[in-house]
Amino acid sequence: ADLVKFAWVDIPMIHNHWITKEVELHECSSFMVQGHIEGLKFLAPKWDEETFTDPDIFPGLMDDQLLAKVPPTLLTTREFDYFRHDAELYSKRLEKHGKLVQPLYIQPGTTHMSGLVDSLPSSKAYFEDLARMFTNFI
């Protein structure tokens, strides 16, 4: 843990509440959920019932003892992101353990991943804000 000065977590999908065994088994028609399941399978190639309770895959499931060991964390999300609630929950837990380096940064007026679209005016502001935040913590 001493080797990591701080962690930046953007749009955390930290809880398993948005995904259930039934969603995976029934091949949910939701592109978003199915896409994230496929992404998570890169982290957990052995995708089974234990995966749904694994704090390495879903950090929101960490107990307080493990959460106290995470590095100082910068947490960012989007105003209209479907994972914003996860970010808010995680930021409260990080703050409780003194691990949140600044209040949760919520990029205004954006949705999931829209902050990375260069043509949006809010993207320029986002990257300027990130540069300032990184300068403070590196």
N, C-alpha and C. Protein backbone atom coordinates (compact mmCIF):
# COMPACT_ATOMS: atom_id res chain seq x y z
N ALA A 1 0.82 -1.19 0.00
CA ALA A 1 0.00 0.00 0.00
C ALA A 1 0.86 1.25 0.00
N ASP A 2 2.07 1.19 0.52
CA ASP A 2 2.93 2.36 0.56
C ASP A 2 3.43 2.75 -0.83
N LEU A 3 3.38 1.85 -1.78
CA LEU A 3 3.84 2.15 -3.13
C LEU A 3 2.84 2.97 -3.92
N VAL A 4 1.59 2.98 -3.52
CA VAL A 4 0.53 3.68 -4.25
C VAL A 4 0.23 4.99 -3.52
N LYS A 5 0.53 6.12 -4.20
CA LYS A 5 0.30 7.42 -3.57
C LYS A 5 -1.18 7.74 -3.49
N PHE A 6 -1.89 7.47 -4.58
CA PHE A 6 -3.35 7.60 -4.56
C PHE A 6 -3.93 6.86 -5.75
N ALA A 7 -5.21 6.52 -5.64
CA ALA A 7 -5.91 5.83 -6.71
C ALA A 7 -6.98 6.75 -7.27
N TRP A 8 -7.16 6.71 -8.57
CA TRP A 8 -8.25 7.45 -9.21
C TRP A 8 -9.25 6.43 -9.70
N VAL A 9 -10.48 6.53 -9.23
CA VAL A 9 -11.54 5.62 -9.63
C VAL A 9 -12.60 6.46 -10.34
N ASP A 10 -12.83 6.16 -11.60
CA ASP A 10 -13.79 6.90 -12.41
C ASP A 10 -14.99 6.02 -12.69
N ILE A 11 -16.17 6.52 -12.38
CA ILE A 11 -17.43 5.82 -12.60
C ILE A 11 -17.38 4.40 -12.03
N PRO A 12 -17.25 4.30 -10.72
CA PRO A 12 -17.14 2.96 -10.15
C PRO A 12 -18.43 2.16 -10.22
N MET A 13 -18.31 0.93 -10.67
CA MET A 13 -19.41 -0.03 -10.64
C MET A 13 -19.07 -0.97 -9.51
N ILE A 14 -19.26 -0.50 -8.29
CA ILE A 14 -18.67 -1.16 -7.15
C ILE A 14 -19.59 -2.14 -6.43
N HIS A 15 -20.86 -2.10 -6.73
CA HIS A 15 -21.81 -2.98 -6.04
C HIS A 15 -22.36 -4.02 -6.99
N ASN A 16 -22.83 -5.09 -6.43
CA ASN A 16 -23.44 -6.14 -7.25
C ASN A 16 -24.96 -5.98 -7.34
N HIS A 17 -25.49 -4.89 -6.82
CA HIS A 17 -26.96 -4.73 -6.81
C HIS A 17 -27.53 -4.51 -8.21
N TRP A 18 -26.73 -4.05 -9.15
CA TRP A 18 -27.23 -3.81 -10.50
C TRP A 18 -27.14 -5.06 -11.38
N ILE A 19 -26.53 -6.08 -10.84
CA ILE A 19 -26.39 -7.32 -11.59
C ILE A 19 -26.76 -8.48 -10.67
N THR A 20 -27.49 -9.41 -11.17
CA THR A 20 -27.86 -10.57 -10.38
C THR A 20 -27.53 -11.83 -11.16
N LYS A 21 -27.55 -12.92 -10.49
CA LYS A 21 -27.33 -14.20 -11.16
C LYS A 21 -28.37 -14.39 -12.27
N GLU A 22 -29.60 -13.99 -11.99
CA GLU A 22 -30.68 -14.15 -12.97
C GLU A 22 -30.40 -13.34 -14.24
N VAL A 23 -29.87 -12.13 -14.07
CA VAL A 23 -29.56 -11.30 -15.24
C VAL A 23 -28.56 -12.02 -16.12
N GLU A 24 -27.51 -12.55 -15.52
CA GLU A 24 -26.48 -13.22 -16.28
C GLU A 24 -27.01 -14.50 -16.91
N LEU A 25 -27.72 -15.29 -16.14
CA LEU A 25 -28.19 -16.58 -16.63
C LEU A 25 -29.25 -16.45 -17.71
N HIS A 26 -30.06 -15.43 -17.66
CA HIS A 26 -31.13 -15.28 -18.64
C HIS A 26 -30.72 -14.40 -19.82
N GLU A 27 -29.41 -14.12 -19.92
CA GLU A 27 -28.90 -13.32 -21.04
C GLU A 27 -29.76 -12.08 -21.25
N CYS A 28 -29.74 -11.22 -20.25
CA CYS A 28 -30.54 -9.99 -20.26
C CYS A 28 -30.39 -9.26 -21.59
N SER A 29 -31.50 -8.74 -22.09
CA SER A 29 -31.47 -8.04 -23.37
C SER A 29 -30.86 -6.65 -23.24
N SER A 30 -30.66 -6.19 -22.03
CA SER A 30 -30.07 -4.87 -21.84
C SER A 30 -28.61 -4.90 -22.28
N PHE A 31 -28.30 -4.13 -23.31
CA PHE A 31 -26.93 -4.07 -23.82
C PHE A 31 -25.98 -3.58 -22.74
N MET A 32 -26.43 -2.59 -21.97
CA MET A 32 -25.56 -2.03 -20.95
C MET A 32 -25.16 -3.08 -19.93
N VAL A 33 -26.12 -3.77 -19.36
CA VAL A 33 -25.82 -4.75 -18.33
C VAL A 33 -25.00 -5.89 -18.92
N GLN A 34 -25.39 -6.38 -20.06
CA GLN A 34 -24.66 -7.50 -20.66
C GLN A 34 -23.24 -7.09 -21.02
N GLY A 35 -23.07 -5.87 -21.50
CA GLY A 35 -21.73 -5.37 -21.82
C GLY A 35 -20.85 -5.31 -20.59
N HIS A 36 -21.40 -4.88 -19.48
CA HIS A 36 -20.62 -4.81 -18.25
C HIS A 36 -20.32 -6.20 -17.69
N ILE A 37 -21.22 -7.13 -17.88
CA ILE A 37 -20.95 -8.51 -17.45
C ILE A 37 -19.75 -9.03 -18.22
N GLU A 38 -19.72 -8.79 -19.53
CA GLU A 38 -18.60 -9.28 -20.34
C GLU A 38 -17.30 -8.62 -19.89
N GLY A 39 -17.35 -7.33 -19.55
CA GLY A 39 -16.15 -6.65 -19.06
C GLY A 39 -15.67 -7.22 -17.74
N LEU A 40 -16.60 -7.53 -16.87
CA LEU A 40 -16.23 -8.10 -15.58
C LEU A 40 -15.62 -9.49 -15.72
N LYS A 41 -15.98 -10.19 -16.77
CA LYS A 41 -15.43 -11.53 -16.97
C LYS A 41 -13.93 -11.49 -17.25
N PHE A 42 -13.41 -10.33 -17.69
CA PHE A 42 -11.97 -10.19 -17.84
C PHE A 42 -11.29 -10.21 -16.47
N LEU A 43 -11.99 -9.67 -15.46
CA LEU A 43 -11.45 -9.67 -14.10
C LEU A 43 -11.69 -10.99 -13.39
N ALA A 44 -12.74 -11.67 -13.78
CA ALA A 44 -13.11 -12.93 -13.13
C ALA A 44 -13.45 -13.97 -14.18
N PRO A 45 -12.43 -14.55 -14.81
CA PRO A 45 -12.70 -15.54 -15.87
C PRO A 45 -13.55 -16.71 -15.39
N LYS A 46 -13.41 -17.05 -14.09
CA LYS A 46 -14.24 -18.12 -13.52
C LYS A 46 -15.51 -17.45 -12.99
N TRP A 47 -16.46 -17.21 -13.85
CA TRP A 47 -17.68 -16.47 -13.51
C TRP A 47 -18.69 -17.44 -12.92
N ASP A 48 -18.86 -17.36 -11.58
CA ASP A 48 -19.79 -18.25 -10.90
C ASP A 48 -20.43 -17.51 -9.73
N GLU A 49 -21.14 -18.24 -8.89
CA GLU A 49 -21.85 -17.61 -7.77
C GLU A 49 -20.92 -16.85 -6.83
N GLU A 50 -19.71 -17.35 -6.63
CA GLU A 50 -18.77 -16.67 -5.75
C GLU A 50 -18.37 -15.30 -6.28
N THR A 51 -18.40 -15.14 -7.58
CA THR A 51 -18.04 -13.87 -8.20
C THR A 51 -18.94 -12.74 -7.71
N PHE A 52 -20.20 -13.04 -7.48
CA PHE A 52 -21.17 -12.02 -7.10
C PHE A 52 -20.94 -11.47 -5.69
N THR A 53 -20.10 -12.15 -4.91
CA THR A 53 -19.79 -11.67 -3.57
C THR A 53 -18.31 -11.39 -3.38
N ASP A 54 -17.56 -11.31 -4.47
CA ASP A 54 -16.12 -11.11 -4.42
C ASP A 54 -15.79 -9.62 -4.33
N PRO A 55 -15.19 -9.15 -3.23
CA PRO A 55 -14.88 -7.73 -3.10
C PRO A 55 -13.79 -7.26 -4.05
N ASP A 56 -13.01 -8.19 -4.65
CA ASP A 56 -12.05 -7.78 -5.68
C ASP A 56 -12.77 -7.35 -6.96
N ILE A 57 -13.95 -7.90 -7.19
CA ILE A 57 -14.74 -7.55 -8.37
C ILE A 57 -15.72 -6.44 -8.03
N PHE A 58 -16.32 -6.50 -6.87
CA PHE A 58 -17.28 -5.50 -6.41
C PHE A 58 -16.77 -4.87 -5.11
N PRO A 59 -15.91 -3.83 -5.20
CA PRO A 59 -15.30 -3.23 -4.01
C PRO A 59 -16.30 -2.70 -2.99
N GLY A 60 -17.51 -2.44 -3.40
CA GLY A 60 -18.53 -1.99 -2.45
C GLY A 60 -18.86 -3.05 -1.42
N LEU A 61 -18.44 -4.28 -1.68
CA LEU A 61 -18.69 -5.38 -0.75
C LEU A 61 -17.56 -5.57 0.26
N MET A 62 -16.51 -4.73 0.16
CA MET A 62 -15.41 -4.84 1.12
C MET A 62 -15.91 -4.57 2.53
N ASP A 63 -15.41 -5.35 3.48
CA ASP A 63 -15.73 -5.02 4.86
C ASP A 63 -14.87 -3.82 5.28
N ASP A 64 -15.19 -3.24 6.42
CA ASP A 64 -14.50 -2.03 6.86
C ASP A 64 -13.01 -2.26 7.09
N GLN A 65 -12.64 -3.44 7.54
CA GLN A 65 -11.23 -3.74 7.78
C GLN A 65 -10.43 -3.70 6.48
N LEU A 66 -10.97 -4.25 5.42
CA LEU A 66 -10.29 -4.22 4.13
C LEU A 66 -10.33 -2.82 3.51
N LEU A 67 -11.45 -2.14 3.62
CA LEU A 67 -11.58 -0.79 3.07
C LEU A 67 -10.58 0.17 3.71
N ALA A 68 -10.27 -0.04 4.97
CA ALA A 68 -9.30 0.82 5.67
C ALA A 68 -7.90 0.70 5.07
N LYS A 69 -7.66 -0.34 4.28
CA LYS A 69 -6.33 -0.57 3.69
C LYS A 69 -6.18 0.00 2.28
N VAL A 70 -7.26 0.48 1.67
CA VAL A 70 -7.14 1.01 0.31
C VAL A 70 -6.34 2.30 0.33
N PRO A 71 -5.68 2.63 -0.78
CA PRO A 71 -4.91 3.89 -0.81
C PRO A 71 -5.85 5.10 -0.83
N PRO A 72 -5.33 6.28 -0.53
CA PRO A 72 -6.14 7.49 -0.68
C PRO A 72 -6.72 7.50 -2.10
N THR A 73 -7.98 7.88 -2.21
CA THR A 73 -8.70 7.71 -3.48
C THR A 73 -9.36 8.99 -3.94
N LEU A 74 -9.19 9.28 -5.22
CA LEU A 74 -9.91 10.34 -5.92
C LEU A 74 -11.03 9.65 -6.69
N LEU A 75 -12.24 10.07 -6.45
CA LEU A 75 -13.40 9.42 -7.03
C LEU A 75 -14.15 10.40 -7.92
N THR A 76 -14.42 10.00 -9.16
CA THR A 76 -15.13 10.86 -10.11
C THR A 76 -16.29 10.10 -10.74
N THR A 77 -17.33 10.85 -11.13
CA THR A 77 -18.48 10.25 -11.79
C THR A 77 -19.16 11.32 -12.65
N ARG A 78 -20.29 11.00 -13.24
CA ARG A 78 -21.03 11.92 -14.11
C ARG A 78 -22.39 12.23 -13.48
N GLU A 79 -22.89 13.41 -13.77
CA GLU A 79 -24.15 13.86 -13.17
C GLU A 79 -25.31 12.92 -13.47
N PHE A 80 -25.40 12.43 -14.70
CA PHE A 80 -26.53 11.59 -15.09
C PHE A 80 -26.09 10.15 -15.39
N ASP A 81 -25.04 9.70 -14.72
CA ASP A 81 -24.54 8.35 -14.93
C ASP A 81 -25.37 7.35 -14.13
N TYR A 82 -25.62 6.19 -14.73
CA TYR A 82 -26.42 5.19 -14.02
C TYR A 82 -25.65 4.55 -12.87
N PHE A 83 -24.35 4.79 -12.76
CA PHE A 83 -23.58 4.30 -11.63
C PHE A 83 -23.26 5.40 -10.62
N ARG A 84 -23.86 6.57 -10.78
CA ARG A 84 -23.58 7.68 -9.86
C ARG A 84 -23.90 7.30 -8.41
N HIS A 85 -25.00 6.61 -8.21
CA HIS A 85 -25.37 6.21 -6.85
C HIS A 85 -24.28 5.35 -6.22
N ASP A 86 -23.71 4.44 -7.00
CA ASP A 86 -22.60 3.62 -6.50
C ASP A 86 -21.45 4.52 -6.06
N ALA A 87 -21.12 5.51 -6.88
CA ALA A 87 -20.02 6.43 -6.54
C ALA A 87 -20.32 7.18 -5.25
N GLU A 88 -21.56 7.61 -5.08
CA GLU A 88 -21.94 8.33 -3.86
C GLU A 88 -21.82 7.43 -2.63
N LEU A 89 -22.28 6.19 -2.75
CA LEU A 89 -22.17 5.25 -1.63
C LEU A 89 -20.70 4.97 -1.29
N TYR A 90 -19.91 4.74 -2.32
CA TYR A 90 -18.49 4.43 -2.10
C TYR A 90 -17.76 5.63 -1.51
N SER A 91 -18.08 6.83 -1.97
CA SER A 91 -17.40 8.01 -1.44
C SER A 91 -17.69 8.19 0.04
N LYS A 92 -18.90 7.88 0.47
CA LYS A 92 -19.23 7.99 1.90
C LYS A 92 -18.41 7.00 2.72
N ARG A 93 -18.25 5.79 2.19
CA ARG A 93 -17.47 4.79 2.91
C ARG A 93 -15.99 5.18 2.94
N LEU A 94 -15.47 5.67 1.81
CA LEU A 94 -14.07 6.10 1.78
C LEU A 94 -13.84 7.26 2.73
N GLU A 95 -14.78 8.19 2.75
CA GLU A 95 -14.66 9.34 3.64
C GLU A 95 -14.65 8.90 5.11
N LYS A 96 -15.49 7.95 5.44
CA LYS A 96 -15.56 7.43 6.81
C LYS A 96 -14.21 6.90 7.27
N HIS A 97 -13.44 6.34 6.34
CA HIS A 97 -12.13 5.75 6.66
C HIS A 97 -10.98 6.70 6.36
N GLY A 98 -11.29 7.96 6.03
CA GLY A 98 -10.24 8.93 5.75
C GLY A 98 -9.48 8.63 4.47
N LYS A 99 -10.11 7.96 3.53
CA LYS A 99 -9.45 7.55 2.29
C LYS A 99 -9.85 8.40 1.08
N LEU A 100 -10.82 9.28 1.23
CA LEU A 100 -11.27 10.13 0.12
C LEU A 100 -10.43 11.41 0.14
N VAL A 101 -9.68 11.65 -0.95
CA VAL A 101 -8.74 12.78 -0.94
C VAL A 101 -9.43 14.13 -1.15
N GLN A 102 -10.63 14.10 -1.69
CA GLN A 102 -11.44 15.31 -1.85
C GLN A 102 -12.88 14.85 -2.04
N PRO A 103 -13.84 15.75 -1.89
CA PRO A 103 -15.23 15.32 -2.11
C PRO A 103 -15.43 14.71 -3.50
N LEU A 104 -16.39 13.83 -3.61
CA LEU A 104 -16.73 13.19 -4.88
C LEU A 104 -16.87 14.25 -5.97
N TYR A 105 -16.15 14.06 -7.07
CA TYR A 105 -16.24 14.98 -8.21
C TYR A 105 -17.32 14.46 -9.14
N ILE A 106 -18.34 15.27 -9.38
CA ILE A 106 -19.43 14.90 -10.29
C ILE A 106 -19.38 15.84 -11.48
N GLN A 107 -19.06 15.29 -12.66
CA GLN A 107 -18.98 16.11 -13.86
C GLN A 107 -20.38 16.54 -14.27
N PRO A 108 -20.64 17.84 -14.26
CA PRO A 108 -22.00 18.32 -14.53
C PRO A 108 -22.46 18.10 -15.97
N GLY A 109 -23.74 17.81 -16.11
CA GLY A 109 -24.38 17.75 -17.42
C GLY A 109 -23.99 16.60 -18.31
N THR A 110 -23.41 15.56 -17.75
CA THR A 110 -22.93 14.46 -18.58
C THR A 110 -23.52 13.12 -18.15
N THR A 111 -23.45 12.16 -19.06
CA THR A 111 -23.92 10.80 -18.80
C THR A 111 -22.72 9.86 -18.84
N HIS A 112 -22.97 8.59 -18.68
CA HIS A 112 -21.90 7.59 -18.68
C HIS A 112 -21.03 7.71 -19.92
N MET A 113 -19.76 7.94 -19.71
CA MET A 113 -18.73 8.03 -20.74
C MET A 113 -18.84 9.25 -21.65
N SER A 114 -19.88 10.06 -21.53
CA SER A 114 -19.97 11.24 -22.39
C SER A 114 -18.90 12.27 -22.07
N GLY A 115 -18.32 12.17 -20.89
CA GLY A 115 -17.25 13.08 -20.52
C GLY A 115 -16.00 12.90 -21.35
N LEU A 116 -15.91 11.81 -22.08
CA LEU A 116 -14.74 11.55 -22.90
C LEU A 116 -14.92 11.98 -24.34
N VAL A 117 -16.06 12.59 -24.66
CA VAL A 117 -16.31 13.07 -26.02
C VAL A 117 -15.73 14.47 -26.14
N ASP A 118 -14.65 14.59 -26.91
CA ASP A 118 -13.92 15.86 -27.01
C ASP A 118 -14.78 17.04 -27.46
N SER A 119 -15.81 16.79 -28.25
CA SER A 119 -16.60 17.89 -28.80
C SER A 119 -17.55 18.51 -27.78
N LEU A 120 -17.76 17.88 -26.65
CA LEU A 120 -18.64 18.44 -25.62
C LEU A 120 -17.87 19.48 -24.80
N PRO A 121 -18.48 20.65 -24.60
CA PRO A 121 -17.79 21.68 -23.81
C PRO A 121 -17.41 21.21 -22.41
N SER A 122 -18.23 20.35 -21.82
CA SER A 122 -17.93 19.89 -20.47
C SER A 122 -16.69 18.99 -20.42
N SER A 123 -16.32 18.39 -21.56
CA SER A 123 -15.14 17.53 -21.58
C SER A 123 -13.87 18.32 -21.33
N LYS A 124 -13.76 19.47 -21.95
CA LYS A 124 -12.57 20.31 -21.75
C LYS A 124 -12.45 20.68 -20.28
N ALA A 125 -13.55 21.09 -19.68
CA ALA A 125 -13.54 21.46 -18.26
C ALA A 125 -13.19 20.25 -17.40
N TYR A 126 -13.70 19.09 -17.77
CA TYR A 126 -13.42 17.87 -17.02
C TYR A 126 -11.93 17.57 -17.01
N PHE A 127 -11.31 17.61 -18.19
CA PHE A 127 -9.89 17.30 -18.26
C PHE A 127 -9.04 18.36 -17.58
N GLU A 128 -9.47 19.60 -17.61
CA GLU A 128 -8.77 20.65 -16.87
C GLU A 128 -8.88 20.39 -15.37
N ASP A 129 -10.08 20.01 -14.92
CA ASP A 129 -10.27 19.69 -13.50
C ASP A 129 -9.41 18.49 -13.10
N LEU A 130 -9.39 17.46 -13.95
CA LEU A 130 -8.57 16.28 -13.65
C LEU A 130 -7.10 16.64 -13.54
N ALA A 131 -6.61 17.46 -14.48
CA ALA A 131 -5.21 17.87 -14.44
C ALA A 131 -4.89 18.59 -13.13
N ARG A 132 -5.79 19.45 -12.70
CA ARG A 132 -5.59 20.17 -11.44
C ARG A 132 -5.61 19.20 -10.25
N MET A 133 -6.56 18.25 -10.26
CA MET A 133 -6.64 17.29 -9.16
C MET A 133 -5.40 16.41 -9.11
N PHE A 134 -4.94 15.94 -10.28
CA PHE A 134 -3.77 15.07 -10.32
C PHE A 134 -2.54 15.83 -9.84
N THR A 135 -2.42 17.10 -10.24
CA THR A 135 -1.29 17.91 -9.80
C THR A 135 -1.24 18.02 -8.29
N ASN A 136 -2.40 18.09 -7.66
CA ASN A 136 -2.46 18.19 -6.20
C ASN A 136 -2.02 16.90 -5.51
N PHE A 137 -2.19 15.76 -6.15
CA PHE A 137 -1.97 14.50 -5.46
C PHE A 137 -0.76 13.71 -5.94
N ILE A 138 -0.13 14.14 -7.00
CA ILE A 138 1.04 13.40 -7.49
C ILE A 138 2.30 14.08 -7.00
